[in-house]
Amino acid sequence: MELIQETKNDKKNEGGVTLRDIVELVFDNWYWIVLSVVICMSVAWFYLAMQTPLNDMSAVLELNGGISGSGVENEIYILQSHQLMREVVGRLHLDVTYQVKNWLHYDQLYAESPIRVNFLDAYTAPVSMEIKPLNGNRFLLNQLKIGKEKSDNEGQEFLFGDTIISAAGRFIVEDIPDKMSAYYNVPVEVSRIDLNTAANIYHSFISTSLAGERTTLVQINCVDSNISRAEAILNALIDVYRETIIEDKNRIATSTAK
């Protein structure tokens, strides 16, 4: 009888893992599960904190009357052209950017920037620098680089409005008085790139589409981390487009008159 009983127990154990086994395993290792959840949530939080929020601004442009069919497509093509965006970048000086560190990510500045850097000489190489306003009159210049080379102007104080001579050429740092007080002793990182590269970057921010079927209304979208810059880009793009259309009409009228 005893031998038979052991055989029955062996068959019972051959049934595999039971629900009770799983529950016991979970309870025995609960701390590892909690730790895994905490780690995953922390990684996700840090990832989101490092991302710069994007804003989607849009504007609607009415094309000139009498345009239809392929003419509408041609106008949309002009709106998306690199030439127009290069003109926008030049007008808004978007080849020069400003940003400040906001804990785990950088905030892009445009209308909010306390300074403006005006480069007086032609572009030769990428330029980056750190400008720390000390008060309403003076600032500290740090980490000035031309390409990958550091400049000798490192760690020097200047007055706003001074003409600074460096390997990157001459430039002037101007203060924006109504924005300055919030940025005392806050390093502002300034970068300069060439116009064509900047135009390519901002061109990728823009998308256009017809606002509806059988319409000459075009919706223009600009996705940017800085809402004031997005608005300025849209307004300037529409202005440049309209000026281009007027110039083309005047050119055609002049050719016809001849």
C-alpha atoms as a PDB file:
ATOM      1  CA  MET A   1       0.000   0.000   0.000  1.00  0.00           C
ATOM      2  CA  GLU A   2       2.783   2.382   0.811  1.00  0.00           C
ATOM      3  CA  LEU A   3       4.429   1.771  -2.551  1.00  0.00           C
ATOM      4  CA  ILE A   4       1.198   2.533  -4.380  1.00  0.00           C
ATOM      5  CA  GLN A   5       0.758   5.818  -2.486  1.00  0.00           C
ATOM      6  CA  GLU A   6       4.197   7.075  -3.553  1.00  0.00           C
ATOM      7  CA  THR A   7       3.413   6.309  -7.162  1.00  0.00           C
ATOM      8  CA  LYS A   8       0.251   8.396  -6.976  1.00  0.00           C
ATOM      9  CA  ASN A   9       2.149  11.356  -5.517  1.00  0.00           C
ATOM     10  CA  ASP A  10       4.703  11.142  -8.305  1.00  0.00           C
ATOM     11  CA  LYS A  11       1.955  11.303 -10.928  1.00  0.00           C
ATOM     12  CA  LYS A  12       0.408  14.294  -9.167  1.00  0.00           C
ATOM     13  CA  ASN A  13       3.728  16.196  -9.297  1.00  0.00           C
ATOM     14  CA  GLU A  14       4.092  15.492 -13.009  1.00  0.00           C
ATOM     15  CA  GLY A  15       1.164  17.845 -13.683  1.00  0.00           C
ATOM     16  CA  GLY A  16       3.534  20.874 -14.165  1.00  0.00           C
ATOM     17  CA  VAL A  17       3.374  24.428 -12.702  1.00  0.00           C
ATOM     18  CA  THR A  18       0.110  25.289 -10.990  1.00  0.00           C
ATOM     19  CA  LEU A  19      -1.534  28.660 -10.400  1.00  0.00           C
ATOM     20  CA  ARG A  20      -0.539  28.420  -6.762  1.00  0.00           C
ATOM     21  CA  ASP A  21       3.101  28.028  -7.793  1.00  0.00           C
ATOM     22  CA  ILE A  22       2.894  31.209  -9.875  1.00  0.00           C
ATOM     23  CA  VAL A  23       1.253  33.186  -7.052  1.00  0.00           C
ATOM     24  CA  GLU A  24       3.887  32.017  -4.585  1.00  0.00           C
ATOM     25  CA  LEU A  25       6.639  32.971  -7.036  1.00  0.00           C
ATOM     26  CA  VAL A  26       5.203  36.480  -7.421  1.00  0.00           C
ATOM     27  CA  PHE A  27       4.852  37.015  -3.680  1.00  0.00           C
ATOM     28  CA  ASP A  28       8.327  35.667  -3.009  1.00  0.00           C
ATOM     29  CA  ASN A  29       9.852  38.163  -5.512  1.00  0.00           C
ATOM     30  CA  TRP A  30       7.517  41.157  -5.127  1.00  0.00           C
ATOM     31  CA  TYR A  31      10.355  43.551  -4.385  1.00  0.00           C
ATOM     32  CA  TRP A  32      12.001  42.844  -7.761  1.00  0.00           C
ATOM     33  CA  ILE A  33       8.731  43.527  -9.556  1.00  0.00           C
ATOM     34  CA  VAL A  34       8.225  46.820  -7.707  1.00  0.00           C
ATOM     35  CA  LEU A  35      11.842  47.836  -8.396  1.00  0.00           C
ATOM     36  CA  SER A  36      11.427  47.068 -12.114  1.00  0.00           C
ATOM     37  CA  VAL A  37       8.285  49.202 -12.299  1.00  0.00           C
ATOM     38  CA  VAL A  38       9.990  52.106 -10.503  1.00  0.00           C
ATOM     39  CA  ILE A  39      13.021  51.930 -12.809  1.00  0.00           C
ATOM     40  CA  CYS A  40      10.875  51.829 -15.966  1.00  0.00           C
ATOM     41  CA  MET A  41       8.761  54.764 -14.802  1.00  0.00           C
ATOM     42  CA  SER A  42      11.880  56.753 -13.870  1.00  0.00           C
ATOM     43  CA  VAL A  43      13.492  56.145 -17.266  1.00  0.00           C
ATOM     44  CA  ALA A  44      10.276  57.182 -19.036  1.00  0.00           C
ATOM     45  CA  TRP A  45      10.018  60.326 -16.910  1.00  0.00           C
ATOM     46  CA  PHE A  46      13.624  61.348 -17.581  1.00  0.00           C
ATOM     47  CA  TYR A  47      13.162  60.697 -21.295  1.00  0.00           C
ATOM     48  CA  LEU A  48      10.085  62.942 -21.432  1.00  0.00           C
ATOM     49  CA  ALA A  49      11.807  65.609 -19.336  1.00  0.00           C
ATOM     50  CA  MET A  50      14.693  65.711 -21.827  1.00  0.00           C
ATOM     51  CA  GLN A  51      12.380  66.299 -24.797  1.00  0.00           C
ATOM     52  CA  THR A  52      11.713  69.843 -25.940  1.00  0.00           C
ATOM     53  CA  PRO A  53       7.964  70.483 -26.388  1.00  0.00           C
ATOM     54  CA  LEU A  54       6.901  71.338 -29.945  1.00  0.00           C
ATOM     55  CA  ASN A  55       4.260  73.854 -31.004  1.00  0.00           C
ATOM     56  CA  ASP A  56       2.222  73.576 -34.194  1.00  0.00           C
ATOM     57  CA  MET A  57       1.266  76.981 -35.609  1.00  0.00           C
ATOM     58  CA  SER A  58      -0.843  77.377 -38.736  1.00  0.00           C
ATOM     59  CA  ALA A  59      -1.897  80.154 -41.092  1.00  0.00           C
ATOM     60  CA  VAL A  60      -4.265  80.227 -44.077  1.00  0.00           C
ATOM     61  CA  LEU A  61      -3.227  81.973 -47.281  1.00  0.00           C
ATOM     62  CA  GLU A  62      -5.656  82.824 -50.080  1.00  0.00           C
ATOM     63  CA  LEU A  63      -4.039  82.447 -53.468  1.00  0.00           C
ATOM     64  CA  ASN A  64      -4.537  85.063 -56.140  1.00  0.00           C
ATOM     65  CA  GLY A  65      -7.810  84.875 -58.058  1.00  0.00           C
ATOM     66  CA  GLY A  66      -7.979  83.028 -61.355  1.00  0.00           C
ATOM     67  CA  ILE A  67      -5.682  80.214 -60.207  1.00  0.00           C
ATOM     68  CA  SER A  68      -6.968  76.662 -60.498  1.00  0.00           C
ATOM     69  CA  GLY A  69      -5.840  73.121 -61.207  1.00  0.00           C
ATOM     70  CA  SER A  70      -2.109  72.817 -61.763  1.00  0.00           C
ATOM     71  CA  GLY A  71      -1.744  76.528 -61.042  1.00  0.00           C
ATOM     72  CA  VAL A  72      -2.636  75.890 -57.408  1.00  0.00           C
ATOM     73  CA  GLU A  73      -0.040  73.125 -57.215  1.00  0.00           C
ATOM     74  CA  ASN A  74       2.543  75.481 -58.683  1.00  0.00           C
ATOM     75  CA  GLU A  75       1.801  78.106 -56.029  1.00  0.00           C
ATOM     76  CA  ILE A  76       2.113  75.505 -53.259  1.00  0.00           C
ATOM     77  CA  TYR A  77       5.448  74.447 -54.756  1.00  0.00           C
ATOM     78  CA  ILE A  78       6.625  78.081 -54.630  1.00  0.00           C
ATOM     79  CA  LEU A  79       5.541  78.343 -50.983  1.00  0.00           C
ATOM     80  CA  GLN A  80       7.628  75.284 -50.144  1.00  0.00           C
ATOM     81  CA  SER A  81      10.654  76.371 -52.171  1.00  0.00           C
ATOM     82  CA  HIS A  82      14.088  76.620 -50.616  1.00  0.00           C
ATOM     83  CA  GLN A  83      14.545  80.064 -52.171  1.00  0.00           C
ATOM     84  CA  LEU A  84      11.627  81.558 -50.249  1.00  0.00           C
ATOM     85  CA  MET A  85      12.770  80.010 -46.977  1.00  0.00           C
ATOM     86  CA  ARG A  86      16.283  81.304 -47.494  1.00  0.00           C
ATOM     87  CA  GLU A  87      14.849  84.808 -47.841  1.00  0.00           C
ATOM     88  CA  VAL A  88      12.821  84.286 -44.642  1.00  0.00           C
ATOM     89  CA  VAL A  89      15.910  83.098 -42.762  1.00  0.00           C
ATOM     90  CA  GLY A  90      17.848  86.145 -43.930  1.00  0.00           C
ATOM     91  CA  ARG A  91      15.135  88.595 -42.912  1.00  0.00           C
ATOM     92  CA  LEU A  92      14.571  87.081 -39.483  1.00  0.00           C
ATOM     93  CA  HIS A  93      18.305  86.364 -38.875  1.00  0.00           C
ATOM     94  CA  LEU A  94      17.473  82.728 -38.155  1.00  0.00           C
ATOM     95  CA  ASP A  95      21.045  81.712 -38.923  1.00  0.00           C
ATOM     96  CA  VAL A  96      21.749  82.936 -35.362  1.00  0.00           C
ATOM     97  CA  THR A  97      19.990  81.017 -32.571  1.00  0.00           C
ATOM     98  CA  TYR A  98      19.724  81.527 -28.819  1.00  0.00           C
ATOM     99  CA  GLN A  99      18.982  78.968 -26.122  1.00  0.00           C
ATOM    100  CA  VAL A 100      19.167  78.510 -22.343  1.00  0.00           C
ATOM    101  CA  LYS A 101      19.484  75.347 -20.289  1.00  0.00           C
ATOM    102  CA  ASN A 102      16.251  74.323 -18.564  1.00  0.00           C
ATOM    103  CA  TRP A 103      17.380  71.484 -16.333  1.00  0.00           C
ATOM    104  CA  LEU A 104      17.324  68.446 -18.660  1.00  0.00           C
ATOM    105  CA  HIS A 105      16.663  70.220 -21.957  1.00  0.00           C
ATOM    106  CA  TYR A 106      17.288  73.502 -23.728  1.00  0.00           C
ATOM    107  CA  ASP A 107      14.686  76.221 -24.315  1.00  0.00           C
ATOM    108  CA  GLN A 108      14.979  78.006 -27.635  1.00  0.00           C
ATOM    109  CA  LEU A 109      14.683  81.796 -27.414  1.00  0.00           C
ATOM    110  CA  TYR A 110      13.465  84.167 -30.098  1.00  0.00           C
ATOM    111  CA  ALA A 111      11.259  87.096 -29.120  1.00  0.00           C
ATOM    112  CA  GLU A 112      12.090  86.239 -25.480  1.00  0.00           C
ATOM    113  CA  SER A 113      15.855  86.545 -25.923  1.00  0.00           C
ATOM    114  CA  PRO A 114      17.514  89.225 -23.742  1.00  0.00           C
ATOM    115  CA  ILE A 115      20.272  89.740 -26.335  1.00  0.00           C
ATOM    116  CA  ARG A 116      20.860  90.030 -30.063  1.00  0.00           C
ATOM    117  CA  VAL A 117      24.201  89.252 -31.674  1.00  0.00           C
ATOM    118  CA  ASN A 118      24.887  91.094 -34.927  1.00  0.00           C
ATOM    119  CA  PHE A 119      27.707  89.656 -37.013  1.00  0.00           C
ATOM    120  CA  LEU A 120      29.283  92.378 -39.110  1.00  0.00           C
ATOM    121  CA  ASP A 121      31.387  90.182 -41.402  1.00  0.00           C
ATOM    122  CA  ALA A 122      30.512  87.433 -43.872  1.00  0.00           C
ATOM    123  CA  TYR A 123      30.081  83.882 -42.611  1.00  0.00           C
ATOM    124  CA  THR A 124      33.224  81.750 -42.730  1.00  0.00           C
ATOM    125  CA  ALA A 125      32.630  78.922 -40.221  1.00  0.00           C
ATOM    126  CA  PRO A 126      30.135  77.829 -37.531  1.00  0.00           C
ATOM    127  CA  VAL A 127      30.331  80.018 -34.441  1.00  0.00           C
ATOM    128  CA  SER A 128      29.167  79.243 -30.905  1.00  0.00           C
ATOM    129  CA  MET A 129      29.541  81.174 -27.686  1.00  0.00           C
ATOM    130  CA  GLU A 130      28.073  81.623 -24.213  1.00  0.00           C
ATOM    131  CA  ILE A 131      26.968  85.085 -23.149  1.00  0.00           C
ATOM    132  CA  LYS A 132      26.089  85.755 -19.516  1.00  0.00           C
ATOM    133  CA  PRO A 133      24.461  89.148 -18.835  1.00  0.00           C
ATOM    134  CA  LEU A 134      25.947  90.525 -15.613  1.00  0.00           C
ATOM    135  CA  ASN A 135      23.791  93.649 -15.437  1.00  0.00           C
ATOM    136  CA  GLY A 136      22.139  96.086 -17.796  1.00  0.00           C
ATOM    137  CA  ASN A 137      25.498  97.255 -19.144  1.00  0.00           C
ATOM    138  CA  ARG A 138      27.988  94.397 -19.101  1.00  0.00           C
ATOM    139  CA  PHE A 139      28.186  90.733 -20.058  1.00  0.00           C
ATOM    140  CA  LEU A 140      30.673  87.880 -19.770  1.00  0.00           C
ATOM    141  CA  LEU A 141      31.772  86.112 -22.956  1.00  0.00           C
ATOM    142  CA  ASN A 142      32.690  82.426 -22.607  1.00  0.00           C
ATOM    143  CA  GLN A 143      33.273  79.338 -24.752  1.00  0.00           C
ATOM    144  CA  LEU A 144      33.696  81.222 -28.006  1.00  0.00           C
ATOM    145  CA  LYS A 145      34.434  78.687 -30.742  1.00  0.00           C
ATOM    146  CA  ILE A 146      34.955  79.139 -34.464  1.00  0.00           C
ATOM    147  CA  GLY A 147      34.496  75.751 -36.022  1.00  0.00           C
ATOM    148  CA  LYS A 148      36.248  73.492 -33.496  1.00  0.00           C
ATOM    149  CA  GLU A 149      38.860  76.046 -32.454  1.00  0.00           C
ATOM    150  CA  LYS A 150      38.563  78.053 -29.220  1.00  0.00           C
ATOM    151  CA  SER A 151      39.067  81.808 -29.394  1.00  0.00           C
ATOM    152  CA  ASP A 152      41.352  83.978 -27.279  1.00  0.00           C
ATOM    153  CA  ASN A 153      38.338  86.034 -26.136  1.00  0.00           C
ATOM    154  CA  GLU A 154      37.477  83.397 -23.508  1.00  0.00           C
ATOM    155  CA  GLY A 155      36.265  84.717 -20.133  1.00  0.00           C
ATOM    156  CA  GLN A 156      36.314  88.423 -20.984  1.00  0.00           C
ATOM    157  CA  GLU A 157      33.825  91.094 -19.947  1.00  0.00           C
ATOM    158  CA  PHE A 158      32.423  93.548 -22.468  1.00  0.00           C
ATOM    159  CA  LEU A 159      29.900  96.348 -22.616  1.00  0.00           C
ATOM    160  CA  PHE A 160      26.716  95.822 -24.587  1.00  0.00           C
ATOM    161  CA  GLY A 161      27.211  97.578 -27.911  1.00  0.00           C
ATOM    162  CA  ASP A 162      30.977  97.006 -28.023  1.00  0.00           C
ATOM    163  CA  THR A 163      32.422  95.812 -31.330  1.00  0.00           C
ATOM    164  CA  ILE A 164      34.207  92.562 -30.534  1.00  0.00           C
ATOM    165  CA  ILE A 165      36.970  91.445 -32.870  1.00  0.00           C
ATOM    166  CA  SER A 166      37.585  87.698 -33.059  1.00  0.00           C
ATOM    167  CA  ALA A 167      38.646  84.978 -35.475  1.00  0.00           C
ATOM    168  CA  ALA A 168      34.959  84.746 -36.428  1.00  0.00           C
ATOM    169  CA  GLY A 169      35.033  88.374 -37.524  1.00  0.00           C
ATOM    170  CA  ARG A 170      33.478  91.397 -35.851  1.00  0.00           C
ATOM    171  CA  PHE A 171      30.250  91.157 -33.917  1.00  0.00           C
ATOM    172  CA  ILE A 172      28.175  93.287 -31.552  1.00  0.00           C
ATOM    173  CA  VAL A 173      26.091  92.024 -28.642  1.00  0.00           C
ATOM    174  CA  GLU A 174      23.024  94.191 -28.052  1.00  0.00           C
ATOM    175  CA  ASP A 175      20.817  94.029 -24.989  1.00  0.00           C
ATOM    176  CA  ILE A 176      17.003  93.922 -25.057  1.00  0.00           C
ATOM    177  CA  PRO A 177      16.180  96.011 -21.949  1.00  0.00           C
ATOM    178  CA  ASP A 178      12.612  94.792 -21.352  1.00  0.00           C
ATOM    179  CA  LYS A 179      13.782  91.142 -21.407  1.00  0.00           C
ATOM    180  CA  MET A 180      17.123  91.531 -19.640  1.00  0.00           C
ATOM    181  CA  SER A 181      16.208  91.433 -15.922  1.00  0.00           C
ATOM    182  CA  ALA A 182      14.993  87.820 -16.088  1.00  0.00           C
ATOM    183  CA  TYR A 183      18.358  86.646 -17.466  1.00  0.00           C
ATOM    184  CA  TYR A 184      20.959  88.221 -15.199  1.00  0.00           C
ATOM    185  CA  ASN A 185      23.744  85.643 -14.618  1.00  0.00           C
ATOM    186  CA  VAL A 186      21.936  83.156 -16.877  1.00  0.00           C
ATOM    187  CA  PRO A 187      24.217  81.819 -19.649  1.00  0.00           C
ATOM    188  CA  VAL A 188      22.659  82.233 -23.081  1.00  0.00           C
ATOM    189  CA  GLU A 189      24.135  79.934 -25.715  1.00  0.00           C
ATOM    190  CA  VAL A 190      24.456  81.577 -29.127  1.00  0.00           C
ATOM    191  CA  SER A 191      25.151  79.745 -32.388  1.00  0.00           C
ATOM    192  CA  ARG A 192      25.648  80.883 -35.958  1.00  0.00           C
ATOM    193  CA  ILE A 193      25.414  78.667 -39.037  1.00  0.00           C
ATOM    194  CA  ASP A 194      25.393  79.466 -42.742  1.00  0.00           C
ATOM    195  CA  LEU A 195      22.168  80.652 -44.390  1.00  0.00           C
ATOM    196  CA  ASN A 196      21.720  77.603 -46.621  1.00  0.00           C
ATOM    197  CA  THR A 197      22.011  75.170 -43.719  1.00  0.00           C
ATOM    198  CA  ALA A 198      19.593  77.255 -41.660  1.00  0.00           C
ATOM    199  CA  ALA A 199      17.167  77.394 -44.598  1.00  0.00           C
ATOM    200  CA  ASN A 200      17.257  73.595 -44.875  1.00  0.00           C
ATOM    201  CA  ILE A 201      16.526  73.231 -41.164  1.00  0.00           C
ATOM    202  CA  TYR A 202      13.578  75.634 -41.097  1.00  0.00           C
ATOM    203  CA  HIS A 203      12.290  74.336 -44.416  1.00  0.00           C
ATOM    204  CA  SER A 204      11.710  71.001 -42.649  1.00  0.00           C
ATOM    205  CA  PHE A 205       9.475  72.814 -40.123  1.00  0.00           C
ATOM    206  CA  ILE A 206       7.000  73.819 -42.859  1.00  0.00           C
ATOM    207  CA  SER A 207       4.187  71.834 -44.471  1.00  0.00           C
ATOM    208  CA  THR A 208       1.449  73.079 -46.796  1.00  0.00           C
ATOM    209  CA  SER A 209      -1.859  71.686 -48.017  1.00  0.00           C
ATOM    210  CA  LEU A 210      -5.102  72.876 -49.533  1.00  0.00           C
ATOM    211  CA  ALA A 211      -7.610  73.878 -46.873  1.00  0.00           C
ATOM    212  CA  GLY A 212     -10.307  71.951 -48.762  1.00  0.00           C
ATOM    213  CA  GLU A 213     -11.454  70.696 -52.136  1.00  0.00           C
ATOM    214  CA  ARG A 214     -12.163  73.221 -54.890  1.00  0.00           C
ATOM    215  CA  THR A 215     -10.588  76.047 -52.934  1.00  0.00           C
ATOM    216  CA  THR A 216      -7.621  78.360 -53.343  1.00  0.00           C
ATOM    217  CA  LEU A 217      -7.028  78.543 -49.606  1.00  0.00           C
ATOM    218  CA  VAL A 218      -3.701  77.024 -48.555  1.00  0.00           C
ATOM    219  CA  GLN A 219      -3.005  76.014 -44.969  1.00  0.00           C
ATOM    220  CA  ILE A 220       0.601  76.475 -43.903  1.00  0.00           C
ATOM    221  CA  ASN A 221       1.839  74.699 -40.780  1.00  0.00           C
ATOM    222  CA  CYS A 222       5.034  75.385 -38.860  1.00  0.00           C
ATOM    223  CA  VAL A 223       6.184  73.015 -36.118  1.00  0.00           C
ATOM    224  CA  ASP A 224       8.748  74.648 -33.852  1.00  0.00           C
ATOM    225  CA  SER A 225       9.815  74.463 -30.211  1.00  0.00           C
ATOM    226  CA  ASN A 226       9.450  78.258 -29.932  1.00  0.00           C
ATOM    227  CA  ILE A 227       5.973  79.605 -30.610  1.00  0.00           C
ATOM    228  CA  SER A 228       7.050  83.214 -31.253  1.00  0.00           C
ATOM    229  CA  ARG A 229       9.581  82.055 -33.849  1.00  0.00           C
ATOM    230  CA  ALA A 230       6.987  79.836 -35.539  1.00  0.00           C
ATOM    231  CA  GLU A 231       4.606  82.774 -35.816  1.00  0.00           C
ATOM    232  CA  ALA A 232       7.343  85.015 -37.218  1.00  0.00           C
ATOM    233  CA  ILE A 233       8.313  82.382 -39.813  1.00  0.00           C
ATOM    234  CA  LEU A 234       4.718  82.006 -41.019  1.00  0.00           C
ATOM    235  CA  ASN A 235       4.188  85.765 -41.313  1.00  0.00           C
ATOM    236  CA  ALA A 236       7.495  86.307 -43.095  1.00  0.00           C
ATOM    237  CA  LEU A 237       6.886  83.375 -45.465  1.00  0.00           C
ATOM    238  CA  ILE A 238       3.518  84.801 -46.521  1.00  0.00           C
ATOM    239  CA  ASP A 239       5.035  88.284 -46.966  1.00  0.00           C
ATOM    240  CA  VAL A 240       7.914  86.966 -49.080  1.00  0.00           C
ATOM    241  CA  TYR A 241       5.509  84.878 -51.186  1.00  0.00           C
ATOM    242  CA  ARG A 242       3.272  87.872 -51.903  1.00  0.00           C
ATOM    243  CA  GLU A 243       6.259  90.055 -52.758  1.00  0.00           C
ATOM    244  CA  THR A 244       7.524  87.344 -55.122  1.00  0.00           C
ATOM    245  CA  ILE A 245       4.152  87.181 -56.879  1.00  0.00           C
ATOM    246  CA  ILE A 246       4.065  90.975 -57.281  1.00  0.00           C
ATOM    247  CA  GLU A 247       7.630  91.012 -58.637  1.00  0.00           C
ATOM    248  CA  ASP A 248       6.741  88.298 -61.168  1.00  0.00           C
ATOM    249  CA  LYS A 249       3.681  90.231 -62.319  1.00  0.00           C
ATOM    250  CA  ASN A 250       5.714  93.421 -62.669  1.00  0.00           C
ATOM    251  CA  ARG A 251       8.379  91.532 -64.619  1.00  0.00           C
ATOM    252  CA  ILE A 252       5.764  90.102 -66.974  1.00  0.00           C
ATOM    253  CA  ALA A 253       4.142  93.526 -67.400  1.00  0.00           C
ATOM    254  CA  THR A 254       7.520  95.105 -68.211  1.00  0.00           C
ATOM    255  CA  SER A 255       8.349  92.398 -70.756  1.00  0.00           C
ATOM    256  CA  THR A 256       4.945  92.820 -72.402  1.00  0.00           C
ATOM    257  CA  ALA A 257       5.369  96.595 -72.596  1.00  0.00           C
ATOM    258  CA  LYS A 258       8.678  96.163 -74.383  1.00  0.00           C
END
